[in-house]
C-alpha cells in the first residue's frame, strides 16, 4: 500500500530523516515507534506533503507522492489525523465532518451513517461546537472527519495522547475493527506499548531519523524495547 524508500528530509541545514525506508502492507496496521524527537511526526508530514523532502520515494499504490500537492493526497484516498487533533473549534461537529466530503471520489455529500455507528457521541453532539467537546470526543471527531472521505489509508499521529483510558480503549477497538472488517490500511504513531501491541500487526522503529528495525509486532522483543523505546 505504502512504501518509503531512501527518504531524506532537512530543516534548513539540519538533516532530520536519513535514507529512511518503511513499508506499510495493505490491509494491515503498522505502528511507527521511537522516542520523542526521532522524526516520527516529520515522516508523517512528509507522507502528507506538509514538508518537502530532499530526495527519495514515497510510493502509494502505483504513484510516487513526492511532488504531489498536499491538498491532492486526500483525493487519492489518504486520511490524516494529525497530532493535537486540529479540529475547527468554532465549527459544529456536523460542520467539521462535512468538511471532508468534497474529497470523496464517489461525490457523496452526506455524512456516512457508519461514522455515527463508530462514534455514537458525535451524533448526539452534531450541533455543538468542536471546541466545546472533551479531549476524547475531539479525537473521535478528528478520526471521524478523516473517515468521512472514505480513505484507503488512514494515518494517525499519537491518537491516544492526552485521552482518558476508556476512550483510548474505544479508539483501539475501532482501529482493529476498521482494519479487520473493511480492510482499511492503518499507519499510526504511538508511544504506549500496550496499545501498540493491541492494534498493530507490524512495527517500524525510528532512531535519530533512521529506520533501525521493522517487522511483525510479535518480533518486537525486549532488546529492541530497551534500546530504542524506553525513556
Protein backbone atom coordinates (compact mmCIF):
# COMPACT_ATOMS: atom_id res chain seq x y z
CA UNK A 1 0.00 0.00 0.00
CA UNK A 2 2.73 2.47 1.04
CA UNK A 3 6.48 2.20 0.64
CA UNK A 4 9.03 4.82 1.71
CA UNK A 5 12.43 4.40 0.11
CA UNK A 6 15.70 6.25 0.80
CA UNK A 7 13.85 9.32 2.08
CA UNK A 8 15.90 12.34 3.15
CA UNK A 9 14.48 15.49 4.70
CA UNK A 10 16.10 18.65 6.05
CA UNK A 11 15.06 21.54 8.28
CA UNK A 12 17.32 24.23 6.87
CA UNK A 13 20.75 22.62 7.08
CA UNK A 14 19.67 20.12 9.75
CA UNK A 15 19.39 16.61 8.31
CA UNK A 16 16.32 15.08 10.00
CA UNK A 17 15.46 11.92 8.04
CA UNK A 18 18.34 9.79 6.75
CA UNK A 19 17.85 7.37 3.84
CA UNK A 20 14.70 6.19 5.58
CA UNK A 21 12.89 3.04 4.45
CA UNK A 22 9.47 1.87 5.65
CA UNK A 23 6.81 -0.50 4.33
CA UNK A 24 3.11 -0.32 5.20
CA UNK A 25 1.43 -3.52 3.95
CA UNK A 26 -2.08 -3.31 2.53
CA UNK A 27 -4.85 -4.21 4.95
CA UNK A 28 -2.56 -4.15 7.99
CA UNK A 29 -1.94 -1.77 10.91
CA UNK A 30 1.66 -0.56 11.09
CA UNK A 31 2.84 1.25 14.22
CA UNK A 32 5.62 3.83 13.87
CA UNK A 33 7.58 3.88 17.13
CA UNK A 34 10.53 5.62 18.77
CA UNK A 35 11.41 8.12 21.46
CA UNK A 36 10.43 11.79 21.24
CA UNK A 37 12.24 13.78 18.60
CA UNK A 38 13.41 10.91 16.39
CA UNK A 39 11.42 12.01 13.32
CA UNK A 40 8.07 10.19 13.53
CA UNK A 41 5.83 13.21 13.01
CA UNK A 42 8.26 14.59 10.43
CA UNK A 43 7.89 11.38 8.42
CA UNK A 44 4.09 11.55 8.54
CA UNK A 45 4.17 15.17 7.42
CA UNK A 46 6.42 14.20 4.51
CA UNK A 47 3.96 11.47 3.51
CA UNK A 48 1.13 14.01 3.63
CA UNK A 49 3.08 16.60 1.63
CA UNK A 50 3.20 19.10 4.51
CA UNK A 51 7.02 19.02 4.47
CA UNK A 52 9.23 18.91 1.41
CA UNK A 53 11.71 16.08 1.03
CA UNK A 54 15.22 16.42 -0.38
CA UNK A 55 15.12 13.09 -2.21
CA UNK A 56 13.69 9.60 -2.04
CA UNK A 57 10.41 7.91 -2.95
CA UNK A 58 7.03 7.78 -1.22
CA UNK A 59 5.18 5.13 -3.20
CA UNK A 60 1.43 4.98 -2.54
CA UNK A 61 -0.21 2.19 -4.54
CA UNK A 62 1.20 2.86 -8.03
CA UNK A 63 2.08 6.54 -7.59
CA UNK A 64 5.11 8.38 -6.22
CA UNK A 65 3.72 11.08 -3.91
CA UNK A 66 6.89 13.17 -3.96
CA UNK A 67 5.93 16.33 -5.80
CA UNK A 68 2.16 15.79 -5.45
CA UNK A 69 0.43 18.77 -3.80
CA UNK A 70 -0.67 18.16 -0.21
CA UNK A 71 -4.30 19.01 -0.91
CA UNK A 72 -4.48 16.31 -3.60
CA UNK A 73 -3.47 13.48 -1.29
CA UNK A 74 -6.89 13.26 0.35
CA UNK A 75 -8.40 12.75 -3.11
CA UNK A 76 -6.05 9.79 -3.56
CA UNK A 77 -7.64 8.09 -0.55
CA UNK A 78 -5.35 9.10 2.32
CA UNK A 79 -6.97 10.20 5.59
CA UNK A 80 -4.84 12.03 8.16
CA UNK A 81 -5.41 12.68 11.86
CA UNK A 82 -2.58 14.99 13.00
CA UNK A 83 -1.08 15.22 16.44
CA UNK A 84 -3.20 17.50 18.60
CA UNK A 85 -6.32 16.67 16.53
CA UNK A 86 -6.55 20.13 14.87
CA UNK A 87 -10.31 20.17 14.58
CA UNK A 88 -12.03 23.50 13.87
CA UNK A 89 -13.08 24.64 17.37
CA UNK A 90 -15.60 27.28 16.26
CA UNK A 91 -17.38 24.99 13.81
CA UNK A 92 -20.00 22.50 14.92
CA UNK A 93 -19.38 18.77 14.96
CA UNK A 94 -21.53 18.46 11.84
CA UNK A 95 -19.61 21.21 10.04
CA UNK A 96 -16.27 19.58 10.95
CA UNK A 97 -17.46 16.29 9.46
CA UNK A 98 -18.88 17.88 6.31
CA UNK A 99 -15.50 19.45 5.51
CA UNK A 100 -14.10 16.10 4.41
CA UNK A 101 -16.85 15.27 1.92
CA UNK A 102 -15.53 17.19 -1.13
CA UNK A 103 -12.51 14.87 -1.20
CA UNK A 104 -14.68 11.77 -1.72
CA UNK A 105 -14.31 10.23 -5.14
CA UNK A 106 -17.93 9.00 -5.21
CA UNK A 107 -19.26 12.57 -4.80
CA UNK A 108 -21.46 11.66 -1.82
CA UNK A 109 -22.28 14.86 0.08
CA UNK A 110 -23.88 13.48 3.24
CA UNK A 111 -22.12 12.13 6.32
CA UNK A 112 -21.97 8.32 6.03
CA UNK A 113 -24.11 6.62 8.71
CA UNK A 114 -21.25 4.32 9.73
CA UNK A 115 -19.44 7.34 11.23
CA UNK A 116 -22.18 7.53 13.85
CA UNK A 117 -22.12 3.76 14.31
CA UNK A 118 -18.44 4.03 15.21
CA UNK A 119 -18.84 7.21 17.26
CA UNK A 120 -22.40 7.50 18.64
CA UNK A 121 -21.43 10.50 20.75
CA UNK A 122 -20.87 12.57 17.60
CA UNK A 123 -24.48 12.10 16.51
CA UNK A 124 -25.64 13.34 19.90
CA UNK A 125 -23.46 16.44 19.60
CA UNK A 126 -23.89 17.43 15.95
CA UNK A 127 -24.85 20.99 16.83
CA UNK A 128 -22.17 21.51 19.46
CA UNK A 129 -19.01 23.43 18.62
CA UNK A 130 -15.88 21.32 18.31
CA UNK A 131 -14.04 23.41 20.86
CA UNK A 132 -16.64 22.56 23.50
CA UNK A 133 -16.00 18.82 23.31
CA UNK A 134 -13.75 16.91 25.70
CA UNK A 135 -10.33 15.80 24.51
CA UNK A 136 -11.55 12.27 23.88
CA UNK A 137 -14.58 13.50 21.97
CA UNK A 138 -12.39 15.80 19.88
CA UNK A 139 -10.18 12.85 18.98
CA UNK A 140 -13.22 10.85 17.91
CA UNK A 141 -14.30 13.82 15.82
CA UNK A 142 -10.86 14.08 14.21
CA UNK A 143 -10.89 10.38 13.30
CA UNK A 144 -14.47 10.65 12.05
CA UNK A 145 -13.54 13.64 9.88
CA UNK A 146 -10.71 11.60 8.30
CA UNK A 147 -13.00 8.62 7.70
CA UNK A 148 -15.67 10.75 6.03
CA UNK A 149 -13.54 10.96 2.89
CA UNK A 150 -13.59 7.14 2.54
CA UNK A 151 -9.81 6.61 2.76
CA UNK A 152 -7.90 3.51 1.75
CA UNK A 153 -5.02 4.51 4.05
CA UNK A 154 -5.62 6.10 7.46
CA UNK A 155 -2.67 7.86 9.14
CA UNK A 156 -2.90 8.80 12.82
CA UNK A 157 -0.31 10.72 14.83
CA UNK A 158 -0.48 9.69 18.52
CA UNK A 159 -4.25 9.18 18.68
CA UNK A 160 -4.15 8.28 22.40
CA UNK A 161 -2.21 11.36 23.56
CA UNK A 162 -4.00 13.09 26.43
CA UNK A 163 -7.07 10.86 26.17
CA UNK A 164 -8.91 9.24 29.08
CA UNK A 165 -8.37 5.45 29.33
CA UNK A 166 -11.91 4.40 28.36
CA UNK A 167 -11.72 6.42 25.13
CA UNK A 168 -8.24 5.00 24.43
CA UNK A 169 -9.75 1.51 24.57
CA UNK A 170 -12.60 2.56 22.27
CA UNK A 171 -10.18 4.03 19.74
CA UNK A 172 -8.13 0.84 19.80
CA UNK A 173 -11.23 -1.28 19.22
CA UNK A 174 -12.30 0.95 16.33
CA UNK A 175 -8.88 0.79 14.66
CA UNK A 176 -8.93 -3.00 14.81
CA UNK A 177 -12.50 -3.08 13.51
CA UNK A 178 -11.67 -0.83 10.56
CA UNK A 179 -8.55 -2.84 9.88
CA UNK A 180 -10.06 -6.31 10.13
CA UNK A 181 -13.65 -5.83 8.93
CA UNK A 182 -13.21 -3.48 5.96
CA UNK A 183 -9.50 -3.95 5.27
CA UNK A 184 -8.52 -0.34 5.90
CA UNK A 185 -4.74 0.08 5.93
CA UNK A 186 -3.56 2.00 9.02
CA UNK A 187 -0.30 3.76 9.85
CA UNK A 188 -0.08 5.26 13.31
CA UNK A 189 2.47 6.82 15.62
CA UNK A 190 2.12 5.51 19.16
CA UNK A 191 4.17 5.79 22.35
CA UNK A 192 2.09 3.48 24.53
CA UNK A 193 3.49 -0.02 24.12
CA UNK A 194 0.37 -1.95 25.30
CA UNK A 195 -1.78 0.00 22.82
CA UNK A 196 0.73 -0.57 20.03
CA UNK A 197 0.74 -4.30 20.70
CA UNK A 198 -3.07 -4.39 20.79
CA UNK A 199 -3.71 -2.68 17.46
CA UNK A 200 -0.52 -3.26 15.47
CA UNK A 201 0.24 -6.04 13.02
CA UNK A 202 3.65 -4.60 12.21
CA UNK A 203 6.07 -2.06 13.66
CA UNK A 204 8.75 0.29 12.43
CA UNK A 205 11.19 1.93 14.87
CA UNK A 206 12.99 5.21 14.18
CA UNK A 207 16.07 6.48 15.95
CA UNK A 208 17.72 9.81 15.10
CA UNK A 209 15.90 9.99 11.80
CA UNK A 210 16.81 6.49 10.69
CA UNK A 211 14.81 3.28 10.50
CA UNK A 212 16.53 0.87 12.86
CA UNK A 213 14.05 -2.02 12.99
CA UNK A 214 10.81 -3.18 11.43
CA UNK A 215 8.84 -6.39 11.30
CA UNK A 216 5.79 -8.17 12.64
CA UNK A 217 4.62 -6.99 16.07
CA UNK A 218 5.32 -10.43 17.51
CA UNK A 219 9.04 -9.87 16.83
CA UNK A 220 9.20 -6.67 18.90
CA UNK A 221 11.41 -8.08 21.65
CA UNK A 222 12.74 -6.76 24.94
CA UNK A 223 16.12 -5.92 23.45
CA UNK A 224 14.57 -3.53 20.91
CA UNK A 225 12.29 -2.05 23.55
CA UNK A 226 15.17 -1.33 25.94
CA UNK A 227 17.46 0.02 23.21
CA UNK A 228 15.04 2.28 21.34
CA UNK A 229 11.77 2.77 23.23
CA UNK A 230 12.36 3.06 26.97
CA UNK A 231 12.94 6.52 28.41
